[in-house]
Amino acid sequence: MRGSSGGAPRAVREVRLPGAVPLYVHPEWSERFPWLVQGTTGRGDRDAPFDLRLFGAEPSGAVLARWRRLREASGLPRAVHAPQVHGADILVHPPGPPGLFIGEAHDGHATRTAGTLLTISVADCIPVSIVDPERRAIALVHGGWRGVAAGVVEAGITVLGALAGSEPQSLYLHLGPAICGECYEVGPEVFAALGLDAPPERRPIDLRAVAAARAAAAGVALERITVSSLCTRCDGSAFFSHRGGSAERQVGILGIREQGKSRDDGRAEGDAR
């Protein structure tokens, strides 16, 4: 293996930006990469949840209005999304018209195009953001256990190599808000699928730790890998959780600001522990 899976990545606590869109961002990336749009949406208000689930029971007009607000808040005119099937296929996005683009089934997106907002749907699974700051190339992948077992994290790293010539050691990778290792109990078959020793019965598993180890083994420097300290189940008031009984979905987002557009994120609420 090109990298080492030893050690543990550093934990980072996202902070919520002020405004009508409940967006939680990586505070260090916000400072280090002002050209980057990154984060995970949250539950929002109890009486008006910020549900971004497409094709659910809610009228499509209400959901699409939230997607429009997300695009406006990001400052990027085009958002891309796709049905997710817990695989490892990545969709590469060239320039396109403004609006919301829905592609064929894929579990990740990549681009070098400014103005395009990559999005994935999550509600316990991991939003994995991968960034090459030197070449301004990005990938965002959906990390459920099946996708992680299928190699979706490695696929995101590989596609940036093909798209921009990115070397793994030049990448930064963040594992966003997801269900934590204490809340996520799975059967022996999940451990086996992930290449781990299978226990005799159901046990908790830290899927973000597994995904981080895979990224490190693929060559991403451990010091460039960060893991959110937020749990979608423990922090249930902030996020939708599938295991917590939520049918709604939040989205992970990643995009490149258009040249000449300045960041106006305002002041983030909370701390950066």
C-alpha atoms as a PDB file:
ATOM      1  CA  MET A   1       0.000   0.000   0.000  1.00  0.00           C
ATOM      2  CA  ARG A   2       1.212   3.481  -0.843  1.00  0.00           C
ATOM      3  CA  GLY A   3       0.264   5.051   2.489  1.00  0.00           C
ATOM      4  CA  SER A   4      -0.036   4.044   6.098  1.00  0.00           C
ATOM      5  CA  SER A   5      -3.319   3.327   7.844  1.00  0.00           C
ATOM      6  CA  GLY A   6      -1.719   3.650  11.294  1.00  0.00           C
ATOM      7  CA  GLY A   7      -2.732   6.409  13.673  1.00  0.00           C
ATOM      8  CA  ALA A   8      -5.945   8.375  13.811  1.00  0.00           C
ATOM      9  CA  PRO A   9      -7.021  11.471  11.883  1.00  0.00           C
ATOM     10  CA  ARG A  10      -7.741  14.690  13.732  1.00  0.00           C
ATOM     11  CA  ALA A  11     -11.306  15.493  14.809  1.00  0.00           C
ATOM     12  CA  VAL A  12     -12.877  18.781  13.701  1.00  0.00           C
ATOM     13  CA  ARG A  13     -16.209  20.192  14.835  1.00  0.00           C
ATOM     14  CA  GLU A  14     -18.143  21.954  12.086  1.00  0.00           C
ATOM     15  CA  VAL A  15     -19.729  25.316  12.805  1.00  0.00           C
ATOM     16  CA  ARG A  16     -23.073  26.529  11.548  1.00  0.00           C
ATOM     17  CA  LEU A  17     -23.117  29.603   9.351  1.00  0.00           C
ATOM     18  CA  PRO A  18     -25.737  32.256  10.100  1.00  0.00           C
ATOM     19  CA  GLY A  19     -28.629  32.558   7.693  1.00  0.00           C
ATOM     20  CA  ALA A  20     -31.793  30.805   6.594  1.00  0.00           C
ATOM     21  CA  VAL A  21     -29.955  27.748   5.228  1.00  0.00           C
ATOM     22  CA  PRO A  22     -28.683  25.493   8.070  1.00  0.00           C
ATOM     23  CA  LEU A  23     -25.167  24.840   6.759  1.00  0.00           C
ATOM     24  CA  TYR A  24     -22.362  23.373   8.887  1.00  0.00           C
ATOM     25  CA  VAL A  25     -18.869  24.011   7.534  1.00  0.00           C
ATOM     26  CA  HIS A  26     -15.305  22.881   8.245  1.00  0.00           C
ATOM     27  CA  PRO A  27     -13.900  25.973  10.016  1.00  0.00           C
ATOM     28  CA  GLU A  28     -10.281  25.330   9.053  1.00  0.00           C
ATOM     29  CA  TRP A  29     -11.100  24.767   5.387  1.00  0.00           C
ATOM     30  CA  SER A  30     -13.163  27.964   5.352  1.00  0.00           C
ATOM     31  CA  GLU A  31     -10.038  29.874   6.359  1.00  0.00           C
ATOM     32  CA  ARG A  32      -7.506  27.906   4.322  1.00  0.00           C
ATOM     33  CA  PHE A  33      -9.510  27.599   1.075  1.00  0.00           C
ATOM     34  CA  PRO A  34     -11.573  30.789   0.525  1.00  0.00           C
ATOM     35  CA  TRP A  35     -12.279  29.657  -3.057  1.00  0.00           C
ATOM     36  CA  LEU A  36     -14.054  26.525  -1.796  1.00  0.00           C
ATOM     37  CA  VAL A  37     -17.712  26.000  -0.843  1.00  0.00           C
ATOM     38  CA  GLN A  38     -18.049  23.051   1.542  1.00  0.00           C
ATOM     39  CA  GLY A  39     -20.381  21.789   4.222  1.00  0.00           C
ATOM     40  CA  THR A  40     -23.357  19.700   5.246  1.00  0.00           C
ATOM     41  CA  THR A  41     -26.869  21.012   5.646  1.00  0.00           C
ATOM     42  CA  GLY A  42     -28.743  20.319   8.877  1.00  0.00           C
ATOM     43  CA  ARG A  43     -32.250  19.739  10.097  1.00  0.00           C
ATOM     44  CA  GLY A  44     -33.124  23.404  10.431  1.00  0.00           C
ATOM     45  CA  ASP A  45     -36.122  24.573  12.428  1.00  0.00           C
ATOM     46  CA  ARG A  46     -38.356  21.984  14.089  1.00  0.00           C
ATOM     47  CA  ASP A  47     -41.481  23.604  12.651  1.00  0.00           C
ATOM     48  CA  ALA A  48     -39.908  24.001   9.190  1.00  0.00           C
ATOM     49  CA  PRO A  49     -37.361  21.207   8.583  1.00  0.00           C
ATOM     50  CA  PHE A  50     -34.840  21.846   5.812  1.00  0.00           C
ATOM     51  CA  ASP A  51     -35.579  18.526   4.095  1.00  0.00           C
ATOM     52  CA  LEU A  52     -33.784  18.170   0.739  1.00  0.00           C
ATOM     53  CA  ARG A  53     -35.045  14.684  -0.094  1.00  0.00           C
ATOM     54  CA  LEU A  54     -36.082  14.561  -3.735  1.00  0.00           C
ATOM     55  CA  PHE A  55     -39.026  12.427  -4.899  1.00  0.00           C
ATOM     56  CA  GLY A  56     -40.395  11.881  -1.394  1.00  0.00           C
ATOM     57  CA  ALA A  57     -43.929  12.406  -0.110  1.00  0.00           C
ATOM     58  CA  GLU A  58     -43.588  16.177   0.224  1.00  0.00           C
ATOM     59  CA  PRO A  59     -44.758  18.350  -2.713  1.00  0.00           C
ATOM     60  CA  SER A  60     -41.838  18.814  -5.110  1.00  0.00           C
ATOM     61  CA  GLY A  61     -42.307  22.580  -5.223  1.00  0.00           C
ATOM     62  CA  ALA A  62     -41.468  22.958  -1.523  1.00  0.00           C
ATOM     63  CA  VAL A  63     -38.378  20.759  -1.806  1.00  0.00           C
ATOM     64  CA  LEU A  64     -37.107  22.478  -4.961  1.00  0.00           C
ATOM     65  CA  ALA A  65     -37.550  25.852  -3.254  1.00  0.00           C
ATOM     66  CA  ARG A  66     -35.104  24.679  -0.569  1.00  0.00           C
ATOM     67  CA  TRP A  67     -32.667  23.518  -3.228  1.00  0.00           C
ATOM     68  CA  ARG A  68     -32.919  26.982  -4.791  1.00  0.00           C
ATOM     69  CA  ARG A  69     -32.180  28.588  -1.425  1.00  0.00           C
ATOM     70  CA  LEU A  70     -29.160  26.301  -1.036  1.00  0.00           C
ATOM     71  CA  ARG A  71     -27.799  27.319  -4.442  1.00  0.00           C
ATOM     72  CA  GLU A  72     -28.347  30.979  -3.635  1.00  0.00           C
ATOM     73  CA  ALA A  73     -26.650  30.640  -0.248  1.00  0.00           C
ATOM     74  CA  SER A  74     -23.666  28.865  -1.827  1.00  0.00           C
ATOM     75  CA  GLY A  75     -23.285  31.507  -4.502  1.00  0.00           C
ATOM     76  CA  LEU A  76     -22.994  28.784  -7.162  1.00  0.00           C
ATOM     77  CA  PRO A  77     -25.583  28.822  -9.967  1.00  0.00           C
ATOM     78  CA  ARG A  78     -25.557  25.085 -10.778  1.00  0.00           C
ATOM     79  CA  ALA A  79     -26.130  22.158  -8.414  1.00  0.00           C
ATOM     80  CA  VAL A  80     -25.677  18.521  -9.434  1.00  0.00           C
ATOM     81  CA  HIS A  81     -27.176  15.463  -7.776  1.00  0.00           C
ATOM     82  CA  ALA A  82     -27.888  11.813  -8.602  1.00  0.00           C
ATOM     83  CA  PRO A  83     -29.804   8.819  -7.241  1.00  0.00           C
ATOM     84  CA  GLN A  84     -27.477   6.867  -4.937  1.00  0.00           C
ATOM     85  CA  VAL A  85     -27.131   3.088  -5.038  1.00  0.00           C
ATOM     86  CA  HIS A  86     -24.345   2.477  -2.479  1.00  0.00           C
ATOM     87  CA  GLY A  87     -21.757   1.769  -5.158  1.00  0.00           C
ATOM     88  CA  ALA A  88     -18.477   3.380  -6.191  1.00  0.00           C
ATOM     89  CA  ASP A  89     -19.234   5.097  -9.506  1.00  0.00           C
ATOM     90  CA  ILE A  90     -18.236   8.763  -9.776  1.00  0.00           C
ATOM     91  CA  LEU A  91     -19.866  11.244 -12.167  1.00  0.00           C
ATOM     92  CA  VAL A  92     -17.520  13.925 -13.589  1.00  0.00           C
ATOM     93  CA  HIS A  93     -19.190  17.263 -14.330  1.00  0.00           C
ATOM     94  CA  PRO A  94     -18.161  19.628 -17.140  1.00  0.00           C
ATOM     95  CA  PRO A  95     -19.647  23.146 -17.367  1.00  0.00           C
ATOM     96  CA  GLY A  96     -23.426  23.266 -17.720  1.00  0.00           C
ATOM     97  CA  PRO A  97     -26.420  25.586 -17.478  1.00  0.00           C
ATOM     98  CA  PRO A  98     -27.644  27.007 -14.158  1.00  0.00           C
ATOM     99  CA  GLY A  99     -30.239  25.153 -12.117  1.00  0.00           C
ATOM    100  CA  LEU A 100     -30.448  21.701 -10.552  1.00  0.00           C
ATOM    101  CA  PHE A 101     -29.087  18.824 -12.667  1.00  0.00           C
ATOM    102  CA  ILE A 102     -30.084  15.231 -11.787  1.00  0.00           C
ATOM    103  CA  GLY A 103     -27.779  12.627 -13.313  1.00  0.00           C
ATOM    104  CA  GLU A 104     -27.986   8.863 -13.624  1.00  0.00           C
ATOM    105  CA  ALA A 105     -27.323   6.724 -10.538  1.00  0.00           C
ATOM    106  CA  HIS A 106     -23.890   7.490  -9.050  1.00  0.00           C
ATOM    107  CA  ASP A 107     -22.476   7.689  -5.531  1.00  0.00           C
ATOM    108  CA  GLY A 108     -20.026  10.481  -6.112  1.00  0.00           C
ATOM    109  CA  HIS A 109     -19.296  13.584  -8.150  1.00  0.00           C
ATOM    110  CA  ALA A 110     -16.127  15.335  -9.287  1.00  0.00           C
ATOM    111  CA  THR A 111     -15.330  18.546 -11.132  1.00  0.00           C
ATOM    112  CA  ARG A 112     -12.816  21.270 -11.898  1.00  0.00           C
ATOM    113  CA  THR A 113     -15.605  23.581 -13.031  1.00  0.00           C
ATOM    114  CA  ALA A 114     -16.181  26.723 -10.982  1.00  0.00           C
ATOM    115  CA  GLY A 115     -19.829  27.518 -10.261  1.00  0.00           C
ATOM    116  CA  THR A 116     -20.915  23.868  -9.970  1.00  0.00           C
ATOM    117  CA  LEU A 117     -22.116  22.645  -6.572  1.00  0.00           C
ATOM    118  CA  LEU A 118     -21.610  18.907  -6.013  1.00  0.00           C
ATOM    119  CA  THR A 119     -24.199  17.370  -3.679  1.00  0.00           C
ATOM    120  CA  ILE A 120     -24.907  14.010  -2.058  1.00  0.00           C
ATOM    121  CA  SER A 121     -27.831  12.961   0.119  1.00  0.00           C
ATOM    122  CA  VAL A 122     -27.093  11.698   3.642  1.00  0.00           C
ATOM    123  CA  ALA A 123     -28.844  10.891   6.926  1.00  0.00           C
ATOM    124  CA  ASP A 124     -26.215   8.769   8.789  1.00  0.00           C
ATOM    125  CA  CYS A 125     -23.906   7.910   5.866  1.00  0.00           C
ATOM    126  CA  ILE A 126     -20.661   9.874   5.466  1.00  0.00           C
ATOM    127  CA  PRO A 127     -20.285  12.887   3.174  1.00  0.00           C
ATOM    128  CA  VAL A 128     -16.635  12.545   2.072  1.00  0.00           C
ATOM    129  CA  SER A 129     -15.069  15.732   0.655  1.00  0.00           C
ATOM    130  CA  ILE A 130     -11.804  15.391  -1.299  1.00  0.00           C
ATOM    131  CA  VAL A 131      -9.927  18.511  -2.399  1.00  0.00           C
ATOM    132  CA  ASP A 132      -6.778  19.183  -4.438  1.00  0.00           C
ATOM    133  CA  PRO A 133      -6.049  22.834  -3.628  1.00  0.00           C
ATOM    134  CA  GLU A 134      -3.108  23.071  -6.039  1.00  0.00           C
ATOM    135  CA  ARG A 135      -5.147  22.061  -9.096  1.00  0.00           C
ATOM    136  CA  ARG A 136      -8.525  23.187  -7.754  1.00  0.00           C
ATOM    137  CA  ALA A 137     -10.109  19.828  -8.394  1.00  0.00           C
ATOM    138  CA  ILE A 138     -12.733  18.350  -6.060  1.00  0.00           C
ATOM    139  CA  ALA A 139     -14.723  15.176  -5.450  1.00  0.00           C
ATOM    140  CA  LEU A 140     -17.617  14.454  -3.108  1.00  0.00           C
ATOM    141  CA  VAL A 141     -18.644  10.863  -2.390  1.00  0.00           C
ATOM    142  CA  HIS A 142     -21.411   9.114  -0.466  1.00  0.00           C
ATOM    143  CA  GLY A 143     -19.958   6.780   2.158  1.00  0.00           C
ATOM    144  CA  GLY A 144     -22.413   4.218   3.424  1.00  0.00           C
ATOM    145  CA  TRP A 145     -20.907   0.911   4.524  1.00  0.00           C
ATOM    146  CA  ARG A 146     -21.644  -0.744   1.184  1.00  0.00           C
ATOM    147  CA  GLY A 147     -20.054   2.123  -0.712  1.00  0.00           C
ATOM    148  CA  VAL A 148     -16.996   2.151   1.555  1.00  0.00           C
ATOM    149  CA  ALA A 149     -16.682  -1.621   1.088  1.00  0.00           C
ATOM    150  CA  ALA A 150     -17.010  -1.164  -2.687  1.00  0.00           C
ATOM    151  CA  GLY A 151     -14.167   1.378  -2.671  1.00  0.00           C
ATOM    152  CA  VAL A 152     -16.012   4.673  -3.138  1.00  0.00           C
ATOM    153  CA  VAL A 153     -13.397   6.606  -1.135  1.00  0.00           C
ATOM    154  CA  GLU A 154     -10.568   5.199  -3.244  1.00  0.00           C
ATOM    155  CA  ALA A 155     -12.630   5.875  -6.384  1.00  0.00           C
ATOM    156  CA  GLY A 156     -12.916   9.553  -5.426  1.00  0.00           C
ATOM    157  CA  ILE A 157      -9.144   9.745  -5.021  1.00  0.00           C
ATOM    158  CA  THR A 158      -8.549   7.940  -8.319  1.00  0.00           C
ATOM    159  CA  VAL A 159     -10.950  10.098 -10.328  1.00  0.00           C
ATOM    160  CA  LEU A 160      -9.096  13.268  -9.299  1.00  0.00           C
ATOM    161  CA  GLY A 161      -5.923  11.692 -10.626  1.00  0.00           C
ATOM    162  CA  ALA A 162      -7.591  11.093 -13.973  1.00  0.00           C
ATOM    163  CA  LEU A 163      -9.358  14.452 -14.017  1.00  0.00           C
ATOM    164  CA  ALA A 164      -6.563  16.753 -12.887  1.00  0.00           C
ATOM    165  CA  GLY A 165      -3.411  14.694 -12.408  1.00  0.00           C
ATOM    166  CA  SER A 166      -3.845  14.882  -8.645  1.00  0.00           C
ATOM    167  CA  GLU A 167      -1.475  12.822  -6.523  1.00  0.00           C
ATOM    168  CA  PRO A 168      -2.977  11.333  -3.343  1.00  0.00           C
ATOM    169  CA  GLN A 169      -0.442  13.125  -1.154  1.00  0.00           C
ATOM    170  CA  SER A 170      -1.611  16.491  -2.561  1.00  0.00           C
ATOM    171  CA  LEU A 171      -5.196  15.910  -1.402  1.00  0.00           C
ATOM    172  CA  TYR A 172      -7.133  17.022   1.665  1.00  0.00           C
ATOM    173  CA  LEU A 173      -9.999  14.762   2.780  1.00  0.00           C
ATOM    174  CA  HIS A 174     -12.779  15.378   5.295  1.00  0.00           C
ATOM    175  CA  LEU A 175     -15.327  12.895   6.641  1.00  0.00           C
ATOM    176  CA  GLY A 176     -18.350  14.989   7.559  1.00  0.00           C
ATOM    177  CA  PRO A 177     -21.244  14.610  10.015  1.00  0.00           C
ATOM    178  CA  ALA A 178     -22.399  10.973  10.112  1.00  0.00           C
ATOM    179  CA  ILE A 179     -23.452   8.356  12.621  1.00  0.00           C
ATOM    180  CA  CYS A 180     -20.669   7.766  15.152  1.00  0.00           C
ATOM    181  CA  GLY A 181     -19.013   4.540  16.234  1.00  0.00           C
ATOM    182  CA  GLU A 182     -21.007   4.343  19.456  1.00  0.00           C
ATOM    183  CA  CYS A 183     -24.395   4.721  17.738  1.00  0.00           C
ATOM    184  CA  TYR A 184     -23.799   2.517  14.684  1.00  0.00           C
ATOM    185  CA  GLU A 185     -24.309  -1.144  15.506  1.00  0.00           C
ATOM    186  CA  VAL A 186     -24.052  -3.638  12.631  1.00  0.00           C
ATOM    187  CA  GLY A 187     -23.911  -7.370  12.031  1.00  0.00           C
ATOM    188  CA  PRO A 188     -20.863  -9.560  11.365  1.00  0.00           C
ATOM    189  CA  GLU A 189     -21.486  -9.387   7.622  1.00  0.00           C
ATOM    190  CA  VAL A 190     -20.709  -5.657   7.601  1.00  0.00           C
ATOM    191  CA  PHE A 191     -17.367  -6.174   9.344  1.00  0.00           C
ATOM    192  CA  ALA A 192     -16.544  -8.943   6.862  1.00  0.00           C
ATOM    193  CA  ALA A 193     -17.510  -6.800   3.854  1.00  0.00           C
ATOM    194  CA  LEU A 194     -15.207  -4.046   5.108  1.00  0.00           C
ATOM    195  CA  GLY A 195     -12.299  -6.485   5.435  1.00  0.00           C
ATOM    196  CA  LEU A 196     -12.367  -6.507   9.239  1.00  0.00           C
ATOM    197  CA  ASP A 197     -12.453  -9.405  11.674  1.00  0.00           C
ATOM    198  CA  ALA A 198     -16.118 -10.334  12.044  1.00  0.00           C
ATOM    199  CA  PRO A 199     -17.439 -10.546  15.626  1.00  0.00           C
ATOM    200  CA  PRO A 200     -19.842 -13.343  16.558  1.00  0.00           C
ATOM    201  CA  GLU A 201     -22.752 -10.922  16.985  1.00  0.00           C
ATOM    202  CA  ARG A 202     -23.825  -7.354  16.283  1.00  0.00           C
ATOM    203  CA  ARG A 203     -21.318  -4.753  17.436  1.00  0.00           C
ATOM    204  CA  PRO A 204     -20.783  -0.998  17.033  1.00  0.00           C
ATOM    205  CA  ILE A 205     -18.469   0.086  14.231  1.00  0.00           C
ATOM    206  CA  ASP A 206     -16.801   3.426  13.495  1.00  0.00           C
ATOM    207  CA  LEU A 207     -17.324   3.663   9.744  1.00  0.00           C
ATOM    208  CA  ARG A 208     -15.539   7.024   9.515  1.00  0.00           C
ATOM    209  CA  ALA A 209     -12.422   5.449  11.053  1.00  0.00           C
ATOM    210  CA  VAL A 210     -12.592   2.674   8.442  1.00  0.00           C
ATOM    211  CA  ALA A 211     -12.983   5.193   5.611  1.00  0.00           C
ATOM    212  CA  ALA A 212     -10.110   7.299   6.968  1.00  0.00           C
ATOM    213  CA  ALA A 213      -7.847   4.242   7.113  1.00  0.00           C
ATOM    214  CA  ARG A 214      -8.703   3.406   3.514  1.00  0.00           C
ATOM    215  CA  ALA A 215      -7.897   6.955   2.412  1.00  0.00           C
ATOM    216  CA  ALA A 216      -4.552   6.811   4.232  1.00  0.00           C
ATOM    217  CA  ALA A 217      -3.787   3.434   2.679  1.00  0.00           C
ATOM    218  CA  ALA A 218      -4.518   4.962  -0.747  1.00  0.00           C
ATOM    219  CA  GLY A 219      -1.832   7.575  -0.143  1.00  0.00           C
ATOM    220  CA  VAL A 220      -3.586  10.555   1.446  1.00  0.00           C
ATOM    221  CA  ALA A 221      -1.377  11.967   4.218  1.00  0.00           C
ATOM    222  CA  LEU A 222      -2.909  11.273   7.620  1.00  0.00           C
ATOM    223  CA  GLU A 223      -2.324  14.872   8.719  1.00  0.00           C
ATOM    224  CA  ARG A 224      -4.520  15.995   5.790  1.00  0.00           C
ATOM    225  CA  ILE A 225      -7.450  13.784   6.816  1.00  0.00           C
ATOM    226  CA  THR A 226     -10.003  15.199   9.257  1.00  0.00           C
ATOM    227  CA  VAL A 227     -13.119  13.669  10.787  1.00  0.00           C
ATOM    228  CA  SER A 228     -16.192  15.513  12.012  1.00  0.00           C
ATOM    229  CA  SER A 229     -16.881  15.180  15.716  1.00  0.00           C
ATOM    230  CA  LEU A 230     -20.608  15.586  15.004  1.00  0.00           C
ATOM    231  CA  CYS A 231     -22.898  12.555  14.995  1.00  0.00           C
ATOM    232  CA  THR A 232     -26.195  12.580  13.120  1.00  0.00           C
ATOM    233  CA  ARG A 233     -27.744  10.366  15.819  1.00  0.00           C
ATOM    234  CA  CYS A 234     -26.184  11.912  18.971  1.00  0.00           C
ATOM    235  CA  ASP A 235     -26.678  15.428  17.602  1.00  0.00           C
ATOM    236  CA  GLY A 236     -30.217  14.551  16.569  1.00  0.00           C
ATOM    237  CA  SER A 237     -31.480  18.053  17.098  1.00  0.00           C
ATOM    238  CA  ALA A 238     -29.068  19.307  14.416  1.00  0.00           C
ATOM    239  CA  PHE A 239     -29.301  16.577  11.755  1.00  0.00           C
ATOM    240  CA  PHE A 240     -31.675  14.031  10.277  1.00  0.00           C
ATOM    241  CA  SER A 241     -30.823  10.445  11.238  1.00  0.00           C
ATOM    242  CA  HIS A 242     -32.147   7.413   9.391  1.00  0.00           C
ATOM    243  CA  ARG A 243     -31.478   5.220  12.414  1.00  0.00           C
ATOM    244  CA  GLY A 244     -33.124   7.856  14.567  1.00  0.00           C
ATOM    245  CA  GLY A 245     -36.336   7.439  12.558  1.00  0.00           C
ATOM    246  CA  SER A 246     -36.001  10.343  10.104  1.00  0.00           C
ATOM    247  CA  ALA A 247     -37.282   9.947   6.560  1.00  0.00           C
ATOM    248  CA  GLU A 248     -35.880  13.375   5.654  1.00  0.00           C
ATOM    249  CA  ARG A 249     -32.421  13.979   4.191  1.00  0.00           C
ATOM    250  CA  GLN A 250     -29.687  16.596   4.430  1.00  0.00           C
ATOM    251  CA  VAL A 251     -26.975  16.999   1.781  1.00  0.00           C
ATOM    252  CA  GLY A 252     -23.234  17.286   1.750  1.00  0.00           C
ATOM    253  CA  ILE A 253     -22.013  20.001  -0.617  1.00  0.00           C
ATOM    254  CA  LEU A 254     -18.705  20.861  -2.284  1.00  0.00           C
ATOM    255  CA  GLY A 255     -17.983  23.440  -4.965  1.00  0.00           C
ATOM    256  CA  ILE A 256     -15.503  25.901  -6.462  1.00  0.00           C
ATOM    257  CA  ARG A 257     -16.374  29.592  -6.371  1.00  0.00           C
ATOM    258  CA  GLU A 258     -16.443  31.395  -9.679  1.00  0.00           C
ATOM    259  CA  GLN A 259     -13.449  33.610 -10.354  1.00  0.00           C
ATOM    260  CA  GLY A 260     -13.936  37.131  -9.068  1.00  0.00           C
ATOM    261  CA  LYS A 261     -16.644  36.097  -6.611  1.00  0.00           C
ATOM    262  CA  SER A 262     -15.676  36.868  -3.029  1.00  0.00           C
ATOM    263  CA  ARG A 263     -16.725  34.831  -0.037  1.00  0.00           C
ATOM    264  CA  ASP A 264     -19.330  36.436   2.214  1.00  0.00           C
ATOM    265  CA  ASP A 265     -19.956  33.679   4.695  1.00  0.00           C
ATOM    266  CA  GLY A 266     -20.574  35.976   7.635  1.00  0.00           C
ATOM    267  CA  ARG A 267     -19.485  34.893  11.061  1.00  0.00           C
ATOM    268  CA  ALA A 268     -19.859  31.258  12.014  1.00  0.00           C
ATOM    269  CA  GLU A 269     -21.782  30.395  15.142  1.00  0.00           C
ATOM    270  CA  GLY A 270     -20.340  28.135  17.823  1.00  0.00           C
ATOM    271  CA  ASP A 271     -16.757  27.095  18.428  1.00  0.00           C
ATOM    272  CA  ALA A 272     -14.181  25.244  16.362  1.00  0.00           C
ATOM    273  CA  ARG A 273     -13.291  22.482  18.734  1.00  0.00           C
END
